[in-house]
């Protein structure tokens, strides 16, 4: 009977340990889903900021191009006067 009681105690402990592991797995899965969602939000924000930076770069190139044209016109006018 002692062997049977010891075996039963081991089985109960394994069940308890298994239950704890399952609970921990559920917690970790939840944290992983939260981390994945956070990462997706950050990636989306990063893509949006990159689009905005590209738009700003384009606008700056356009403005610099226009300033260069103005400068060339001014140079041409001054060269025409001399």
C-alpha atoms as a PDB file:
ATOM      1  CA  UNK A   1       0.000   0.000   0.000  1.00  0.00           C
ATOM      2  CA  UNK A   2       2.849   2.421   0.669  1.00  0.00           C
ATOM      3  CA  UNK A   3       3.995   2.138  -2.935  1.00  0.00           C
ATOM      4  CA  UNK A   4       0.488   2.901  -4.105  1.00  0.00           C
ATOM      5  CA  UNK A   5       0.227   5.955  -1.822  1.00  0.00           C
ATOM      6  CA  UNK A   6       3.638   7.194  -2.982  1.00  0.00           C
ATOM      7  CA  UNK A   7       2.638   6.720  -6.614  1.00  0.00           C
ATOM      8  CA  UNK A   8      -0.654   8.522  -6.009  1.00  0.00           C
ATOM      9  CA  UNK A   9       1.197  11.422  -4.347  1.00  0.00           C
ATOM     10  CA  UNK A  10       3.559  11.666  -7.307  1.00  0.00           C
ATOM     11  CA  UNK A  11       0.658  11.656  -9.757  1.00  0.00           C
ATOM     12  CA  UNK A  12      -1.102  14.408  -7.779  1.00  0.00           C
ATOM     13  CA  UNK A  13       2.109  16.440  -7.718  1.00  0.00           C
ATOM     14  CA  UNK A  14       2.548  15.980 -11.477  1.00  0.00           C
ATOM     15  CA  UNK A  15      -1.028  17.106 -12.056  1.00  0.00           C
ATOM     16  CA  UNK A  16      -0.456  20.144  -9.829  1.00  0.00           C
ATOM     17  CA  UNK A  17       2.798  20.941 -11.634  1.00  0.00           C
ATOM     18  CA  UNK A  18       1.123  20.451 -15.023  1.00  0.00           C
ATOM     19  CA  UNK A  19      -1.688  22.803 -14.045  1.00  0.00           C
ATOM     20  CA  UNK A  20       0.851  25.427 -12.989  1.00  0.00           C
ATOM     21  CA  UNK A  21       2.707  25.039 -16.276  1.00  0.00           C
ATOM     22  CA  UNK A  22      -0.518  25.407 -18.248  1.00  0.00           C
ATOM     23  CA  UNK A  23      -1.399  28.555 -16.311  1.00  0.00           C
ATOM     24  CA  UNK A  24       2.087  29.966 -16.929  1.00  0.00           C
ATOM     25  CA  UNK A  25       1.835  29.089 -20.638  1.00  0.00           C
ATOM     26  CA  UNK A  26      -1.462  30.992 -20.869  1.00  0.00           C
ATOM     27  CA  UNK A  27       0.119  34.007 -19.154  1.00  0.00           C
ATOM     28  CA  UNK A  28       3.116  33.909 -21.478  1.00  0.00           C
ATOM     29  CA  UNK A  29       0.898  33.573 -24.556  1.00  0.00           C
ATOM     30  CA  UNK A  30      -1.055  36.621 -23.419  1.00  0.00           C
ATOM     31  CA  UNK A  31       2.134  38.621 -22.884  1.00  0.00           C
ATOM     32  CA  UNK A  32       3.397  37.512 -26.279  1.00  0.00           C
ATOM     33  CA  UNK A  33       0.179  38.659 -27.983  1.00  0.00           C
ATOM     34  CA  UNK A  34       0.442  42.013 -26.182  1.00  0.00           C
ATOM     35  CA  UNK A  35       4.087  42.374 -27.225  1.00  0.00           C
ATOM     36  CA  UNK A  36       3.223  41.464 -30.833  1.00  0.00           C
ATOM     37  CA  UNK A  37       0.427  44.051 -30.870  1.00  0.00           C
ATOM     38  CA  UNK A  38       2.756  46.694 -29.395  1.00  0.00           C
ATOM     39  CA  UNK A  39       5.412  45.859 -31.969  1.00  0.00           C
ATOM     40  CA  UNK A  40       2.855  46.119 -34.778  1.00  0.00           C
ATOM     41  CA  UNK A  41       1.751  49.556 -33.490  1.00  0.00           C
ATOM     42  CA  UNK A  42       5.353  50.737 -33.321  1.00  0.00           C
ATOM     43  CA  UNK A  43       6.054  49.414 -36.823  1.00  0.00           C
ATOM     44  CA  UNK A  44       2.980  51.204 -38.172  1.00  0.00           C
ATOM     45  CA  UNK A  45       4.043  54.418 -36.443  1.00  0.00           C
ATOM     46  CA  UNK A  46       7.536  54.034 -37.824  1.00  0.00           C
ATOM     47  CA  UNK A  47       6.219  53.568 -41.354  1.00  0.00           C
ATOM     48  CA  UNK A  48       4.040  56.656 -40.953  1.00  0.00           C
ATOM     49  CA  UNK A  49       6.963  58.740 -39.692  1.00  0.00           C
ATOM     50  CA  UNK A  50       9.100  57.537 -42.604  1.00  0.00           C
ATOM     51  CA  UNK A  51       6.380  58.614 -45.064  1.00  0.00           C
ATOM     52  CA  UNK A  52       6.232  62.009 -43.379  1.00  0.00           C
ATOM     53  CA  UNK A  53      10.030  62.362 -43.552  1.00  0.00           C
ATOM     54  CA  UNK A  54       9.965  61.488 -47.264  1.00  0.00           C
ATOM     55  CA  UNK A  55       7.239  64.082 -47.855  1.00  0.00           C
ATOM     56  CA  UNK A  56       9.269  66.710 -45.974  1.00  0.00           C
ATOM     57  CA  UNK A  57      12.406  65.799 -47.946  1.00  0.00           C
ATOM     58  CA  UNK A  58      10.461  66.213 -51.179  1.00  0.00           C
ATOM     59  CA  UNK A  59       9.118  69.585 -50.100  1.00  0.00           C
ATOM     60  CA  UNK A  60      12.596  70.741 -49.069  1.00  0.00           C
ATOM     61  CA  UNK A  61      14.068  69.612 -52.407  1.00  0.00           C
ATOM     62  CA  UNK A  62      11.361  71.559 -54.205  1.00  0.00           C
ATOM     63  CA  UNK A  63      11.942  74.683 -52.123  1.00  0.00           C
ATOM     64  CA  UNK A  64      15.719  74.426 -52.557  1.00  0.00           C
ATOM     65  CA  UNK A  65      15.226  74.008 -56.297  1.00  0.00           C
ATOM     66  CA  UNK A  66      13.042  77.098 -56.410  1.00  0.00           C
ATOM     67  CA  UNK A  67      15.591  79.064 -54.380  1.00  0.00           C
ATOM     68  CA  UNK A  68      18.322  77.951 -56.753  1.00  0.00           C
ATOM     69  CA  UNK A  69      16.256  79.161 -59.727  1.00  0.00           C
ATOM     70  CA  UNK A  70      15.731  82.510 -58.034  1.00  0.00           C
ATOM     71  CA  UNK A  71      19.437  82.737 -57.332  1.00  0.00           C
ATOM     72  CA  UNK A  72      20.297  81.944 -60.967  1.00  0.00           C
ATOM     73  CA  UNK A  73      17.825  84.539 -62.205  1.00  0.00           C
ATOM     74  CA  UNK A  74      19.361  87.102 -59.898  1.00  0.00           C
ATOM     75  CA  UNK A  75      22.844  86.132 -61.117  1.00  0.00           C
ATOM     76  CA  UNK A  76      21.639  86.433 -64.732  1.00  0.00           C
ATOM     77  CA  UNK A  77      20.151  89.868 -64.048  1.00  0.00           C
ATOM     78  CA  UNK A  78      23.351  91.069 -62.421  1.00  0.00           C
ATOM     79  CA  UNK A  79      25.448  89.660 -65.270  1.00  0.00           C
ATOM     80  CA  UNK A  80      23.199  91.480 -67.756  1.00  0.00           C
ATOM     81  CA  UNK A  81      23.719  94.800 -66.016  1.00  0.00           C
ATOM     82  CA  UNK A  82      27.505  94.557 -66.134  1.00  0.00           C
END
